[in-house]
């Protein structure tokens, strides 16, 4: 099981804005400017392949949702698609792939 530390940022406190997690520094600054309490913390991560190894075993994965606040490429690169072939993959990106201009 591969574990690695990842920076995770939470923001809460502005009126009419729900608490969110954010990865991009510019977005964090927007939250600070809006009066939100922005805090960084380090959390341990695991590869998607390690999670599938533990929970999916050799069963088919019908639906996989990825919502990882800017870490989409890292998550996808940590999956063994030759062993697990999800039928449907839904990735929430908030436009991060297109805003950065970097393909993944």
N, C-alpha and C. Protein backbone atom coordinates (compact mmCIF):
# COMPACT_ATOMS: atom_id res chain seq x y z
N UNK A 1 0.85 -1.17 0.00
CA UNK A 1 0.00 0.00 0.00
C UNK A 1 0.90 1.24 0.00
N UNK A 2 0.73 2.08 -0.99
CA UNK A 2 1.55 3.28 -1.13
C UNK A 2 0.84 4.44 -0.45
N UNK A 3 1.55 5.06 0.47
CA UNK A 3 1.02 6.24 1.16
C UNK A 3 1.98 7.39 0.93
N UNK A 4 1.40 8.58 0.76
CA UNK A 4 2.23 9.77 0.57
C UNK A 4 1.50 10.96 1.16
N UNK A 5 2.24 11.91 1.74
CA UNK A 5 1.60 13.10 2.27
C UNK A 5 1.15 14.02 1.14
N UNK A 6 -0.02 14.64 1.32
CA UNK A 6 -0.59 15.56 0.34
C UNK A 6 -1.10 16.78 1.08
N UNK A 7 -0.87 17.97 0.52
CA UNK A 7 -1.42 19.19 1.11
C UNK A 7 -2.91 19.26 0.81
N UNK A 8 -3.69 19.51 1.83
CA UNK A 8 -5.14 19.65 1.70
C UNK A 8 -5.52 20.94 2.37
N UNK A 9 -6.27 21.77 1.68
CA UNK A 9 -6.63 23.08 2.19
C UNK A 9 -8.13 23.14 2.42
N UNK A 10 -8.54 23.65 3.55
CA UNK A 10 -9.96 23.85 3.82
C UNK A 10 -10.22 25.34 4.00
N UNK A 11 -11.42 25.74 3.61
CA UNK A 11 -11.80 27.14 3.74
C UNK A 11 -13.24 27.20 4.22
N UNK A 12 -13.50 28.00 5.23
CA UNK A 12 -14.85 28.14 5.76
C UNK A 12 -14.99 29.51 6.41
N UNK A 13 -16.23 29.97 6.51
CA UNK A 13 -16.46 31.15 7.31
C UNK A 13 -17.08 32.34 6.62
N UNK A 14 -17.09 32.41 5.32
CA UNK A 14 -17.71 33.55 4.65
C UNK A 14 -19.21 33.35 4.58
N UNK A 15 -19.94 34.43 4.63
CA UNK A 15 -21.41 34.35 4.57
C UNK A 15 -21.84 33.78 3.22
N UNK A 16 -22.83 32.90 3.27
CA UNK A 16 -23.43 32.30 2.08
C UNK A 16 -22.48 31.45 1.26
N UNK A 17 -21.35 31.05 1.80
CA UNK A 17 -20.43 30.16 1.09
C UNK A 17 -20.22 28.94 1.97
N UNK A 18 -20.47 27.79 1.41
CA UNK A 18 -20.29 26.55 2.16
C UNK A 18 -18.80 26.25 2.32
N UNK A 19 -18.40 25.54 3.38
CA UNK A 19 -17.00 25.15 3.53
C UNK A 19 -16.56 24.34 2.31
N UNK A 20 -15.36 24.60 1.84
CA UNK A 20 -14.84 23.91 0.66
C UNK A 20 -13.42 23.48 0.92
N UNK A 21 -12.94 22.58 0.10
CA UNK A 21 -11.52 22.27 0.10
C UNK A 21 -10.98 22.77 -1.22
N UNK A 22 -9.77 23.24 -1.23
CA UNK A 22 -9.21 23.83 -2.43
C UNK A 22 -7.76 23.42 -2.59
N UNK A 23 -7.34 23.25 -3.81
CA UNK A 23 -5.97 22.85 -4.09
C UNK A 23 -5.18 23.99 -4.70
N UNK A 24 -5.79 24.81 -5.50
CA UNK A 24 -5.07 25.84 -6.23
C UNK A 24 -4.84 27.07 -5.36
N UNK A 25 -3.60 27.58 -5.40
CA UNK A 25 -3.25 28.74 -4.58
C UNK A 25 -4.11 29.95 -4.91
N UNK A 26 -4.40 30.18 -6.19
CA UNK A 26 -5.21 31.34 -6.58
C UNK A 26 -6.62 31.23 -5.99
N UNK A 27 -7.17 30.02 -5.98
CA UNK A 27 -8.50 29.82 -5.41
C UNK A 27 -8.46 30.03 -3.90
N UNK A 28 -7.40 29.59 -3.26
CA UNK A 28 -7.26 29.81 -1.82
C UNK A 28 -7.22 31.31 -1.52
N UNK A 29 -6.51 32.06 -2.35
CA UNK A 29 -6.44 33.51 -2.13
C UNK A 29 -7.81 34.15 -2.33
N UNK A 30 -8.58 33.69 -3.30
CA UNK A 30 -9.93 34.21 -3.50
C UNK A 30 -10.78 33.96 -2.25
N UNK A 31 -10.63 32.79 -1.65
CA UNK A 31 -11.37 32.47 -0.43
C UNK A 31 -10.94 33.38 0.72
N UNK A 32 -9.63 33.63 0.84
CA UNK A 32 -9.15 34.55 1.88
C UNK A 32 -9.73 35.95 1.66
N UNK A 33 -9.71 36.40 0.40
CA UNK A 33 -10.24 37.73 0.08
C UNK A 33 -11.73 37.82 0.37
N UNK A 34 -12.44 36.69 0.33
CA UNK A 34 -13.88 36.67 0.62
C UNK A 34 -14.14 36.56 2.12
N UNK A 35 -13.07 36.56 2.92
CA UNK A 35 -13.23 36.51 4.37
C UNK A 35 -13.28 35.12 4.95
N UNK A 36 -12.94 34.12 4.16
CA UNK A 36 -12.98 32.75 4.65
C UNK A 36 -11.72 32.43 5.45
N UNK A 37 -11.87 31.54 6.39
CA UNK A 37 -10.77 31.03 7.19
C UNK A 37 -10.11 29.90 6.40
N UNK A 38 -8.93 30.13 5.83
CA UNK A 38 -8.25 29.16 4.97
C UNK A 38 -7.12 28.53 5.76
N UNK A 39 -7.12 27.20 5.80
CA UNK A 39 -6.09 26.47 6.57
C UNK A 39 -5.53 25.33 5.74
N UNK A 40 -4.22 25.14 5.84
CA UNK A 40 -3.56 24.02 5.18
C UNK A 40 -3.29 22.93 6.20
N UNK A 41 -3.42 21.71 5.73
CA UNK A 41 -3.03 20.57 6.56
C UNK A 41 -2.45 19.50 5.64
N UNK A 42 -1.68 18.61 6.21
CA UNK A 42 -1.11 17.51 5.46
C UNK A 42 -1.87 16.24 5.82
N UNK A 43 -2.33 15.53 4.80
CA UNK A 43 -3.06 14.29 5.00
C UNK A 43 -2.33 13.17 4.26
N UNK A 44 -2.51 11.95 4.71
CA UNK A 44 -1.92 10.80 4.04
C UNK A 44 -2.83 10.36 2.89
N UNK A 45 -2.23 10.01 1.78
CA UNK A 45 -3.00 9.54 0.64
C UNK A 45 -2.58 8.11 0.29
N UNK A 46 -3.45 7.46 -0.48
CA UNK A 46 -3.17 6.11 -0.99
C UNK A 46 -3.48 6.12 -2.48
N UNK A 47 -2.83 5.25 -3.21
CA UNK A 47 -3.14 5.17 -4.63
C UNK A 47 -4.52 4.54 -4.81
N UNK A 48 -5.14 4.86 -5.93
CA UNK A 48 -6.44 4.27 -6.25
C UNK A 48 -6.28 2.76 -6.42
N UNK A 49 -5.17 2.32 -6.96
CA UNK A 49 -4.92 0.88 -7.10
C UNK A 49 -4.87 0.20 -5.73
N UNK A 50 -4.27 0.84 -4.74
CA UNK A 50 -4.21 0.26 -3.40
C UNK A 50 -5.61 0.15 -2.78
N UNK A 51 -6.44 1.16 -3.03
CA UNK A 51 -7.81 1.12 -2.51
C UNK A 51 -8.60 0.01 -3.20
N UNK A 52 -8.44 -0.11 -4.52
CA UNK A 52 -9.13 -1.19 -5.24
C UNK A 52 -8.64 -2.56 -4.79
N UNK A 53 -7.36 -2.67 -4.54
CA UNK A 53 -6.79 -3.94 -4.05
C UNK A 53 -7.46 -4.35 -2.74
N UNK A 54 -7.70 -3.39 -1.87
CA UNK A 54 -8.30 -3.68 -0.57
C UNK A 54 -9.80 -3.94 -0.66
N UNK A 55 -10.52 -3.16 -1.48
CA UNK A 55 -11.98 -3.22 -1.44
C UNK A 55 -12.63 -3.88 -2.65
N UNK A 56 -12.07 -3.71 -3.84
CA UNK A 56 -12.71 -4.29 -5.03
C UNK A 56 -12.27 -5.72 -5.26
N UNK A 57 -11.06 -6.04 -4.83
CA UNK A 57 -10.48 -7.36 -5.05
C UNK A 57 -10.56 -7.68 -6.53
N UNK A 58 -11.22 -8.77 -6.91
CA UNK A 58 -11.34 -9.10 -8.33
C UNK A 58 -12.76 -8.92 -8.84
N UNK A 59 -13.56 -8.14 -8.12
CA UNK A 59 -14.93 -7.86 -8.56
C UNK A 59 -14.92 -6.71 -9.57
N UNK A 60 -15.90 -6.69 -10.45
CA UNK A 60 -15.97 -5.58 -11.41
C UNK A 60 -16.35 -4.27 -10.71
N UNK A 61 -15.85 -3.18 -11.23
CA UNK A 61 -16.21 -1.85 -10.74
C UNK A 61 -17.15 -1.25 -11.78
N UNK A 62 -18.39 -1.07 -11.39
CA UNK A 62 -19.37 -0.55 -12.34
C UNK A 62 -19.32 0.97 -12.43
N UNK A 63 -19.07 1.65 -11.32
CA UNK A 63 -19.11 3.11 -11.31
C UNK A 63 -18.01 3.61 -10.38
N UNK A 64 -17.21 4.54 -10.87
CA UNK A 64 -16.13 5.13 -10.08
C UNK A 64 -16.25 6.64 -10.16
N UNK A 65 -16.39 7.29 -9.02
CA UNK A 65 -16.45 8.76 -8.97
C UNK A 65 -15.18 9.27 -8.32
N UNK A 66 -14.55 10.24 -8.97
CA UNK A 66 -13.32 10.83 -8.47
C UNK A 66 -13.58 12.31 -8.22
N UNK A 67 -13.46 12.74 -6.96
CA UNK A 67 -13.66 14.13 -6.56
C UNK A 67 -12.56 14.44 -5.56
N UNK A 68 -11.43 14.91 -6.06
CA UNK A 68 -10.23 15.01 -5.24
C UNK A 68 -9.60 16.40 -5.24
N UNK A 69 -10.40 17.42 -5.56
CA UNK A 69 -9.99 18.82 -5.40
C UNK A 69 -8.65 19.15 -6.02
N UNK A 70 -8.49 18.87 -7.30
CA UNK A 70 -7.28 19.25 -8.00
C UNK A 70 -6.23 18.18 -8.15
N UNK A 71 -6.45 17.03 -7.54
CA UNK A 71 -5.46 15.94 -7.61
C UNK A 71 -5.87 14.86 -8.61
N UNK A 72 -6.68 15.22 -9.60
CA UNK A 72 -7.24 14.24 -10.53
C UNK A 72 -6.16 13.45 -11.27
N UNK A 73 -5.18 14.16 -11.81
CA UNK A 73 -4.13 13.47 -12.58
C UNK A 73 -3.39 12.47 -11.70
N UNK A 74 -3.05 12.88 -10.50
CA UNK A 74 -2.32 11.99 -9.58
C UNK A 74 -3.13 10.74 -9.28
N UNK A 75 -4.43 10.91 -9.04
CA UNK A 75 -5.29 9.75 -8.76
C UNK A 75 -5.34 8.81 -9.95
N UNK A 76 -5.54 9.37 -11.14
CA UNK A 76 -5.63 8.52 -12.33
C UNK A 76 -4.32 7.79 -12.61
N UNK A 77 -3.21 8.45 -12.36
CA UNK A 77 -1.91 7.79 -12.58
C UNK A 77 -1.64 6.69 -11.55
N UNK A 78 -2.36 6.74 -10.43
CA UNK A 78 -2.19 5.73 -9.39
C UNK A 78 -3.16 4.55 -9.52
N UNK A 79 -3.77 4.40 -10.68
CA UNK A 79 -4.73 3.32 -10.90
C UNK A 79 -4.14 2.32 -11.89
N UNK A 80 -4.40 1.04 -11.65
CA UNK A 80 -3.97 -0.02 -12.56
C UNK A 80 -5.16 -0.37 -13.46
N UNK A 81 -5.26 0.34 -14.59
CA UNK A 81 -6.39 0.11 -15.49
C UNK A 81 -6.27 -1.19 -16.26
N UNK A 82 -5.13 -1.86 -16.19
CA UNK A 82 -5.03 -3.18 -16.82
C UNK A 82 -5.67 -4.24 -15.93
N UNK A 83 -5.79 -3.96 -14.64
CA UNK A 83 -6.43 -4.91 -13.71
C UNK A 83 -7.89 -4.55 -13.44
N UNK A 84 -8.17 -3.28 -13.23
CA UNK A 84 -9.54 -2.83 -12.95
C UNK A 84 -10.00 -1.95 -14.09
N UNK A 85 -11.14 -2.26 -14.66
CA UNK A 85 -11.68 -1.52 -15.80
C UNK A 85 -13.08 -1.04 -15.45
N UNK A 86 -13.19 0.09 -14.73
CA UNK A 86 -14.52 0.60 -14.38
C UNK A 86 -15.36 0.83 -15.64
N UNK A 87 -16.65 0.49 -15.54
CA UNK A 87 -17.55 0.69 -16.68
C UNK A 87 -17.77 2.18 -16.92
N UNK A 88 -17.96 2.94 -15.85
CA UNK A 88 -18.21 4.37 -15.94
C UNK A 88 -17.29 5.07 -14.94
N UNK A 89 -16.63 6.14 -15.40
CA UNK A 89 -15.79 6.96 -14.52
C UNK A 89 -16.31 8.40 -14.60
N UNK A 90 -16.65 8.97 -13.45
CA UNK A 90 -17.08 10.36 -13.36
C UNK A 90 -16.01 11.12 -12.60
N UNK A 91 -15.48 12.18 -13.21
CA UNK A 91 -14.42 12.96 -12.58
C UNK A 91 -14.90 14.39 -12.43
N UNK A 92 -14.95 14.87 -11.19
CA UNK A 92 -15.32 16.27 -10.92
C UNK A 92 -14.04 17.09 -10.93
N UNK A 93 -13.95 18.07 -11.84
CA UNK A 93 -12.71 18.83 -11.95
C UNK A 93 -12.87 20.32 -11.72
N UNK A 94 -14.05 20.86 -11.76
CA UNK A 94 -14.26 22.31 -11.65
C UNK A 94 -13.45 23.05 -12.70
N UNK A 95 -13.22 22.40 -13.84
CA UNK A 95 -12.49 23.04 -14.92
C UNK A 95 -10.99 23.08 -14.71
N UNK A 96 -10.47 22.39 -13.72
CA UNK A 96 -9.04 22.48 -13.41
C UNK A 96 -8.17 22.02 -14.57
N UNK A 97 -8.61 21.02 -15.32
CA UNK A 97 -7.78 20.53 -16.41
C UNK A 97 -7.68 21.56 -17.53
N UNK A 98 -8.76 22.28 -17.78
CA UNK A 98 -8.74 23.25 -18.85
C UNK A 98 -8.14 24.58 -18.39
N UNK A 99 -8.35 24.97 -17.15
CA UNK A 99 -7.80 26.23 -16.66
C UNK A 99 -6.30 26.20 -16.60
N UNK A 100 -5.72 25.08 -16.21
CA UNK A 100 -4.27 25.01 -16.08
C UNK A 100 -3.60 24.93 -17.44
N UNK A 101 -4.35 24.50 -18.45
CA UNK A 101 -3.77 24.36 -19.78
C UNK A 101 -2.92 23.12 -19.94
N UNK A 102 -2.80 22.32 -18.89
CA UNK A 102 -1.99 21.12 -18.95
C UNK A 102 -2.89 19.92 -19.18
N UNK A 103 -2.58 19.12 -20.19
CA UNK A 103 -3.39 17.90 -20.41
C UNK A 103 -3.06 16.85 -19.35
N UNK A 104 -4.05 16.04 -19.03
CA UNK A 104 -3.80 14.88 -18.16
C UNK A 104 -4.67 13.75 -18.55
